[in-house]
Amino acid sequence: MPYATFKATPTSPHIGAEIAEIDLTRPLPEGQANELRQALTQYQVLFFREQKISHDDLMRLGRLFGELGQHVGARTKSRKTENPLINQFHYDETTTRVAGDVWHTDQSCAPVPPLGSILYNRIVPPDGGGDTMFASMYCAYDALSDPMSAFLEGLTATHDGVKVFGVGTPIAVHPVIVRHPESKKKLIFVNSSFTTRINELPGTESSAVLRFLFDHIVQPEWTFRFRWRAHSIAFWDNRCTQHYAIPDYWPNVRSGSRIQIEGSAAPAA
C-alpha cells in the first residue's frame, strides 16, 4: 500500500515498516496523520530514524492516536520524569535488571490494555546490542491448525499484573482469541509475562495449552529484530503484537523516553 505523504518500507514479510520522509519535530498535517494511522494498522510496528525529538514532540505524536496514559505497574515510579506521562528508560553499568526482557504485551493485566507505546532512544550502545524484537499475533493465529483455533475460540485467560509489578496492580480476564478493532483480523491474546491460566480448563490442561501458545507465538517466521541507532523511534500497536527487549549490552548505556497511548475498549472476540 503506497502512501502519498511519506515512504513506508517493510522491514520483514509479516511485521514492521520503516517510515521515511517525515518530520516528527513538527505538527503533522491531517492528511499525513491519517496515513500514519493507516500505516500502524497495516504494519503493526512503525520505525523512524534520525528524529531528534523533544518530550513535547513525542507527546504530540502519541496524541494523534488517542489519549496518553500512565503505566499501571506498581514498580514503575522510579522511571517517571517530571512529566507523569513520560517514562524514562535509562540503563547503564549500575543497572541490575532491564525492563521488558521477556516476550510480552504491555500491561495486558489492565481491564483495557494500552493501544500502543512509542519508545524514543537518544543513546544506544556503541557496538550494537539492546535490540528489540517484535512478533505478529496475526501470523501466530493464522498458523494455528483449524482444530486448535476452533478449540481456543470462546476460551478466556487471566492476566495477572501482581506477579510482574507487585501488589496494587490489576488483574483482568480477556478472551484467548480476539479481533483487532480496526483491522478486524483475529489474533492470539496471551503472553508469558502476564497470562497465568486459561479459565475454562483444569490447571494441568491450562498449563499445557499455555506452554504451547507461549512457544508458538514467538516463532522466528513472524518476528522481526529492530536494531536501534541513536535518535530512533519504535511505535508498536500493543493490540496485535508482542515485544522483547534484549539485555545484552551491559555495562553500556541505552537511554530514552516512552509514552503510552490508552486503549478505548477491552479486547473482544
Protein backbone atom coordinates (compact mmCIF):
# COMPACT_ATOMS: atom_id res chain seq x y z
CA MET A 1 0.00 0.00 0.00
CA PRO A 2 1.71 3.23 -1.14
CA TYR A 3 1.41 6.38 0.95
CA ALA A 4 1.34 9.87 -0.52
CA THR A 5 2.90 11.81 2.38
CA PHE A 6 5.82 9.57 3.44
CA LYS A 7 7.70 6.45 2.38
CA ALA A 8 6.94 3.14 4.13
CA THR A 9 9.46 0.32 3.62
CA PRO A 10 8.51 -3.07 5.11
CA THR A 11 11.14 -4.44 7.49
CA SER A 12 10.04 -8.07 7.19
CA PRO A 13 7.37 -10.05 5.33
CA HIS A 14 4.91 -10.07 8.24
CA ILE A 15 5.54 -7.20 10.64
CA GLY A 16 7.03 -3.72 10.72
CA ALA A 17 7.84 -0.83 8.38
CA GLU A 18 10.39 1.95 8.43
CA ILE A 19 8.82 5.34 7.83
CA ALA A 20 10.95 7.92 5.99
CA GLU A 21 10.43 11.38 4.53
CA ILE A 22 8.55 12.57 7.59
CA ASP A 23 9.48 15.16 10.24
CA LEU A 24 8.21 14.37 13.72
CA THR A 25 9.65 17.56 15.20
CA ARG A 26 6.76 19.47 13.61
CA PRO A 27 2.97 19.08 13.80
CA LEU A 28 1.83 16.70 11.08
CA PRO A 29 -0.78 17.81 8.54
CA GLU A 30 -4.08 15.98 8.97
CA GLY A 31 -3.62 14.03 5.75
CA GLN A 32 -0.24 12.77 6.88
CA ALA A 33 -1.58 11.93 10.34
CA ASN A 34 -4.38 9.90 8.76
CA GLU A 35 -1.92 7.99 6.62
CA LEU A 36 0.25 7.29 9.66
CA ARG A 37 -2.76 5.79 11.44
CA GLN A 38 -3.38 3.60 8.41
CA ALA A 39 0.26 2.52 8.35
CA LEU A 40 0.20 1.45 12.01
CA THR A 41 -2.86 -0.70 11.33
CA GLN A 42 -1.22 -2.19 8.26
CA TYR A 43 2.29 -2.85 9.58
CA GLN A 44 1.68 -3.24 13.37
CA VAL A 45 5.01 -1.57 14.25
CA LEU A 46 6.43 1.64 12.75
CA PHE A 47 10.11 2.60 12.93
CA PHE A 48 11.63 6.05 12.43
CA ARG A 49 15.30 7.03 12.08
CA GLU A 50 17.18 10.26 12.79
CA GLN A 51 14.34 12.01 14.59
CA LYS A 52 15.80 14.27 17.30
CA ILE A 53 12.50 14.84 19.07
CA SER A 54 11.63 16.52 22.36
CA HIS A 55 9.20 15.31 25.00
CA ASP A 56 6.60 17.65 23.52
CA ASP A 57 7.16 16.16 20.06
CA LEU A 58 6.79 12.66 21.46
CA MET A 59 3.52 13.50 23.18
CA ARG A 60 2.16 15.31 20.14
CA LEU A 61 2.78 12.20 18.03
CA GLY A 62 1.07 9.96 20.56
CA ARG A 63 -2.00 12.18 20.82
CA LEU A 64 -2.67 11.69 17.12
CA PHE A 65 -3.69 8.15 18.09
CA GLY A 66 -5.51 8.68 21.38
CA GLU A 67 -5.30 9.88 24.94
CA LEU A 68 -1.96 9.45 26.70
CA GLY A 69 -1.93 7.37 29.86
CA GLN A 70 0.26 6.10 32.67
CA HIS A 71 1.72 2.69 33.42
CA VAL A 72 -0.41 0.51 35.72
CA GLY A 73 2.63 -1.13 37.31
CA ALA A 74 3.34 -0.55 40.98
CA ARG A 75 7.13 -0.73 40.46
CA THR A 76 7.47 1.94 37.79
CA LYS A 77 7.64 5.10 39.91
CA SER A 78 11.42 5.32 39.59
CA ARG A 79 11.06 5.65 35.82
CA LYS A 80 8.86 8.73 35.96
CA THR A 81 10.15 12.05 34.65
CA GLU A 82 8.92 15.50 35.64
CA ASN A 83 6.02 14.73 33.28
CA PRO A 84 3.93 11.79 34.58
CA LEU A 85 3.01 10.84 31.00
CA ILE A 86 6.65 10.17 30.06
CA ASN A 87 8.71 7.27 31.36
CA GLN A 88 12.50 7.41 31.33
CA PHE A 89 14.17 4.16 30.27
CA HIS A 90 17.84 4.57 31.21
CA TYR A 91 20.24 1.66 31.65
CA ASP A 92 23.96 1.77 32.43
CA GLU A 93 26.68 -0.02 34.42
CA THR A 94 24.62 0.28 37.62
CA THR A 95 21.58 -1.47 36.11
CA THR A 96 20.68 -4.84 37.60
CA ARG A 97 17.56 -5.58 35.53
CA VAL A 98 16.31 -4.35 32.15
CA ALA A 99 12.56 -3.88 31.81
CA GLY A 100 10.79 -5.94 29.19
CA ASP A 101 13.37 -8.72 28.87
CA VAL A 102 10.70 -11.35 28.22
CA TRP A 103 8.11 -11.64 25.47
CA HIS A 104 5.03 -9.64 26.45
CA THR A 105 2.10 -7.44 25.54
CA ASP A 106 2.26 -4.21 27.54
CA GLN A 107 0.04 -4.29 30.62
CA SER A 108 -2.41 -6.91 29.40
CA CYS A 109 -3.35 -7.17 33.09
CA ALA A 110 -5.36 -3.94 32.72
CA PRO A 111 -9.10 -4.15 32.01
CA VAL A 112 -8.37 -2.01 28.92
CA PRO A 113 -4.72 -2.52 27.90
CA PRO A 114 -2.85 0.28 26.10
CA LEU A 115 -3.47 0.83 22.40
CA GLY A 116 0.25 1.19 21.88
CA SER A 117 3.56 2.61 23.03
CA ILE A 118 6.17 4.86 21.45
CA LEU A 119 9.81 4.47 22.52
CA TYR A 120 12.46 7.04 21.53
CA ASN A 121 16.10 6.15 22.22
CA ARG A 122 18.58 9.02 22.31
CA ILE A 123 21.62 6.97 23.35
CA VAL A 124 22.34 3.40 22.25
CA PRO A 125 25.29 1.07 22.91
CA PRO A 126 28.29 1.98 20.72
CA ASP A 127 28.93 -1.53 19.41
CA GLY A 128 25.37 -2.75 18.93
CA GLY A 129 23.14 -4.59 21.35
CA GLY A 130 19.96 -3.54 23.04
CA ASP A 131 17.80 -4.60 20.09
CA THR A 132 14.05 -5.04 20.45
CA MET A 133 12.20 -7.98 18.91
CA PHE A 134 8.59 -7.84 17.75
CA ALA A 135 6.14 -10.63 16.91
CA SER A 136 2.89 -10.54 14.94
CA MET A 137 -0.04 -12.13 16.75
CA TYR A 138 -1.99 -12.14 13.47
CA CYS A 139 0.53 -14.51 11.93
CA ALA A 140 0.64 -16.61 15.08
CA TYR A 141 -3.14 -17.06 14.88
CA ASP A 142 -3.13 -17.78 11.14
CA ALA A 143 -0.53 -20.52 11.64
CA LEU A 144 -2.73 -22.47 14.06
CA SER A 145 -4.36 -25.62 12.76
CA ASP A 146 -8.12 -25.44 12.24
CA PRO A 147 -8.83 -27.79 15.16
CA MET A 148 -6.62 -25.76 17.52
CA SER A 149 -8.09 -22.39 16.53
CA ALA A 150 -11.60 -23.84 16.96
CA PHE A 151 -10.65 -25.17 20.40
CA LEU A 152 -9.31 -21.80 21.55
CA GLU A 153 -12.35 -19.82 20.38
CA GLY A 154 -14.53 -18.89 23.33
CA LEU A 155 -11.87 -19.52 25.99
CA THR A 156 -10.76 -16.77 28.35
CA ALA A 157 -7.49 -16.23 30.20
CA THR A 158 -6.46 -14.47 33.40
CA HIS A 159 -3.77 -11.77 33.11
CA ASP A 160 -2.17 -11.07 36.50
CA GLY A 161 -0.12 -7.90 36.92
CA VAL A 162 0.84 -8.66 40.52
CA LYS A 163 3.39 -11.29 39.51
CA VAL A 164 5.21 -8.72 37.35
CA PHE A 165 4.69 -5.36 39.07
CA GLY A 166 3.71 -6.25 42.62
CA VAL A 167 0.74 -5.57 44.87
CA GLY A 168 -1.61 -2.85 43.69
CA THR A 169 -1.52 -3.87 40.03
CA PRO A 170 -4.76 -5.01 38.34
CA ILE A 171 -5.82 -8.48 37.29
CA ALA A 172 -8.01 -8.86 34.21
CA VAL A 173 -9.74 -11.55 32.15
CA HIS A 174 -9.59 -11.40 28.34
CA PRO A 175 -10.54 -13.79 25.51
CA VAL A 176 -7.71 -16.01 24.27
CA ILE A 177 -8.63 -15.19 20.66
CA VAL A 178 -9.59 -11.58 20.00
CA ARG A 179 -10.30 -9.45 16.95
CA HIS A 180 -8.43 -6.20 16.30
CA PRO A 181 -10.90 -3.31 16.46
CA GLU A 182 -9.58 -1.63 13.29
CA SER A 183 -8.16 -4.33 11.02
CA LYS A 184 -10.85 -6.83 12.14
CA LYS A 185 -8.25 -9.60 11.97
CA LYS A 186 -8.15 -12.36 14.57
CA LEU A 187 -5.11 -12.80 16.81
CA ILE A 188 -3.84 -14.64 19.88
CA PHE A 189 -4.00 -12.58 23.07
CA VAL A 190 -1.96 -14.38 25.73
CA ASN A 191 1.62 -13.71 26.80
CA SER A 192 4.15 -15.30 29.11
CA SER A 193 4.59 -12.21 31.30
CA PHE A 194 1.01 -11.77 32.48
CA THR A 195 -1.18 -14.72 31.42
CA THR A 196 -1.44 -17.20 34.29
CA ARG A 197 -4.24 -19.58 33.32
CA ILE A 198 -6.98 -20.42 30.86
CA ASN A 199 -10.08 -20.17 32.97
CA GLU A 200 -12.26 -22.87 31.40
CA LEU A 201 -9.62 -25.63 31.68
CA PRO A 202 -8.31 -27.61 34.66
CA GLY A 203 -4.93 -26.49 35.92
CA THR A 204 -2.82 -29.13 34.18
CA GLU A 205 -4.58 -28.66 30.83
CA SER A 206 -4.34 -24.88 31.15
CA SER A 207 -0.60 -25.08 31.81
CA ALA A 208 -0.03 -27.39 28.84
CA VAL A 209 -2.01 -25.21 26.41
CA LEU A 210 -0.30 -22.03 27.61
CA ARG A 211 3.14 -23.63 27.23
CA PHE A 212 2.27 -24.48 23.64
CA LEU A 213 0.96 -20.97 22.93
CA PHE A 214 3.92 -19.21 24.56
CA ASP A 215 6.29 -21.18 22.31
CA HIS A 216 4.10 -20.84 19.24
CA ILE A 217 3.56 -17.08 19.29
CA VAL A 218 7.28 -16.22 19.13
CA GLN A 219 8.32 -18.44 16.22
CA PRO A 220 11.02 -16.76 14.08
CA GLU A 221 8.81 -16.80 10.99
CA TRP A 222 6.65 -13.94 12.29
CA THR A 223 9.17 -11.96 14.33
CA PHE A 224 11.47 -9.05 13.48
CA ARG A 225 14.56 -7.77 15.31
CA PHE A 226 14.90 -3.97 15.31
CA ARG A 227 18.46 -2.69 15.60
CA TRP A 228 18.48 0.65 17.34
CA ARG A 229 20.52 3.64 16.28
CA ALA A 230 20.69 6.93 18.16
CA HIS A 231 17.53 9.03 17.75
CA SER A 232 15.41 6.14 16.51
CA ILE A 233 11.77 5.52 17.38
CA ALA A 234 9.68 2.35 17.59
CA PHE A 235 5.89 2.68 17.72
CA TRP A 236 4.02 -0.59 18.26
CA ASP A 237 0.34 -1.48 18.18
CA ASN A 238 0.01 -3.24 21.52
CA ARG A 239 -3.28 -4.85 20.49
CA CYS A 240 -1.73 -7.22 17.93
CA THR A 241 1.99 -7.53 18.75
CA GLN A 242 4.37 -8.73 21.42
CA HIS A 243 7.91 -7.48 22.01
CA TYR A 244 11.09 -8.41 23.84
CA ALA A 245 13.91 -6.09 24.94
CA ILE A 246 17.26 -7.88 24.62
CA PRO A 247 19.51 -7.09 27.63
CA ASP A 248 22.86 -7.87 26.00
CA TYR A 249 24.64 -4.51 26.26
CA TRP A 250 25.77 -4.17 29.90
CA PRO A 251 27.68 -2.07 31.00
CA ASN A 252 26.95 0.28 28.07
CA VAL A 253 24.29 2.98 28.15
CA ARG A 254 20.89 2.74 26.48
CA SER A 255 18.69 5.72 27.27
CA GLY A 256 15.38 7.05 26.02
CA SER A 257 11.80 8.01 26.74
CA ARG A 258 8.48 6.25 26.26
CA ILE A 259 4.84 7.22 26.21
CA GLN A 260 1.74 5.07 26.34
CA ILE A 261 -1.46 5.56 24.35
CA GLU A 262 -4.59 4.49 26.17
CA GLY A 263 -6.87 1.84 24.70
CA SER A 264 -10.50 2.66 24.09
CA ALA A 265 -12.08 -0.76 24.66
CA ALA A 266 -11.27 -4.11 26.24
CA PRO A 267 -10.02 -6.87 23.92
CA ALA A 268 -13.02 -8.64 22.39
CA ALA A 269 -13.61 -11.72 20.26
